[in-house]
């Protein structure tokens, strides 16, 4: 159970065939890096809203739309979003 790691700051879930984010509410506000590249995830909402301290977000080769990427960039202006 991932929520056992209450102080998790980096989460890398590359290429795990995930269609949605796991439950991150226990540590979401502490995350500074999230990498979900190469997963068929098509949306990060609403979970991304509680990740206010995110500095790096890797979403290359996901199904997240360009419109949602723009929303994420507005929501998290200090976050580097990697899409390639």
Protein backbone atom coordinates (compact mmCIF):
# COMPACT_ATOMS: atom_id res chain seq x y z
CA UNK A 1 0.00 0.00 0.00
CA UNK A 2 1.67 3.17 -1.23
CA UNK A 3 0.06 5.38 1.41
CA UNK A 4 2.34 3.86 4.06
CA UNK A 5 5.03 6.24 2.78
CA UNK A 6 3.71 9.47 4.30
CA UNK A 7 6.84 11.52 3.50
CA UNK A 8 7.29 10.34 -0.07
CA UNK A 9 8.70 13.16 -2.20
CA UNK A 10 9.43 11.36 -5.49
CA UNK A 11 7.19 8.81 -7.15
CA UNK A 12 8.22 7.09 -10.39
CA UNK A 13 5.71 4.74 -11.99
CA UNK A 14 7.17 4.31 -15.47
CA UNK A 15 5.57 1.79 -17.82
CA UNK A 16 3.19 0.04 -15.40
CA UNK A 17 0.06 -0.03 -17.58
CA UNK A 18 -1.70 2.33 -15.15
CA UNK A 19 -4.94 3.89 -16.37
CA UNK A 20 -5.24 6.18 -13.35
CA UNK A 21 -3.11 7.48 -10.53
CA UNK A 22 -2.98 5.44 -7.35
CA UNK A 23 -4.46 6.99 -4.21
CA UNK A 24 -1.93 9.64 -3.17
CA UNK A 25 -3.93 11.71 -0.68
CA UNK A 26 -1.68 10.77 2.27
CA UNK A 27 1.46 12.22 0.69
CA UNK A 28 0.28 14.29 -2.31
CA UNK A 29 1.12 17.63 -0.72
CA UNK A 30 4.71 16.44 -0.06
CA UNK A 31 5.43 15.19 -3.59
CA UNK A 32 7.93 17.27 -5.51
CA UNK A 33 8.45 14.86 -8.42
CA UNK A 34 5.99 12.56 -10.16
CA UNK A 35 6.85 10.46 -13.19
CA UNK A 36 4.07 8.46 -14.83
CA UNK A 37 5.58 8.24 -18.31
CA UNK A 38 4.59 5.36 -20.61
CA UNK A 39 1.23 4.62 -18.96
CA UNK A 40 -2.22 4.83 -20.60
CA UNK A 41 -3.39 7.45 -18.07
CA UNK A 42 -5.73 9.95 -19.70
CA UNK A 43 -6.32 12.33 -16.78
CA UNK A 44 -4.58 13.48 -13.62
CA UNK A 45 -7.58 15.34 -12.24
CA UNK A 46 -8.67 15.67 -9.49
CA UNK A 47 -5.54 14.20 -7.80
CA UNK A 48 -3.12 16.71 -9.34
CA UNK A 49 -4.96 19.54 -7.56
CA UNK A 50 -3.55 18.47 -4.19
CA UNK A 51 0.04 18.28 -5.47
CA UNK A 52 0.83 21.96 -4.91
CA UNK A 53 4.57 21.40 -4.26
CA UNK A 54 5.21 19.49 -7.48
CA UNK A 55 8.35 20.72 -9.24
CA UNK A 56 8.71 17.96 -11.88
CA UNK A 57 6.00 16.04 -13.69
CA UNK A 58 6.83 13.41 -16.31
CA UNK A 59 3.90 12.51 -18.55
CA UNK A 60 5.61 11.44 -21.79
CA UNK A 61 3.79 8.72 -23.72
CA UNK A 62 0.55 9.01 -21.75
CA UNK A 63 -2.95 9.70 -23.07
CA UNK A 64 -3.27 13.07 -21.33
CA UNK A 65 -4.74 15.62 -23.71
CA UNK A 66 -3.00 18.85 -24.73
CA UNK A 67 -5.90 20.78 -23.16
CA UNK A 68 -5.35 19.06 -19.81
CA UNK A 69 -1.60 19.67 -20.01
CA UNK A 70 -2.32 23.39 -20.39
CA UNK A 71 -4.63 23.27 -17.36
CA UNK A 72 -1.92 21.54 -15.33
CA UNK A 73 0.64 24.15 -16.37
CA UNK A 74 -1.72 26.90 -15.18
CA UNK A 75 -2.48 25.08 -11.93
CA UNK A 76 1.22 24.38 -11.23
CA UNK A 77 3.17 27.27 -12.79
CA UNK A 78 6.41 26.32 -10.97
CA UNK A 79 6.32 22.72 -12.19
CA UNK A 80 8.43 21.48 -15.09
CA UNK A 81 6.15 19.29 -17.20
CA UNK A 82 7.95 16.81 -19.46
CA UNK A 83 5.86 15.55 -22.35
CA UNK A 84 8.61 14.02 -24.56
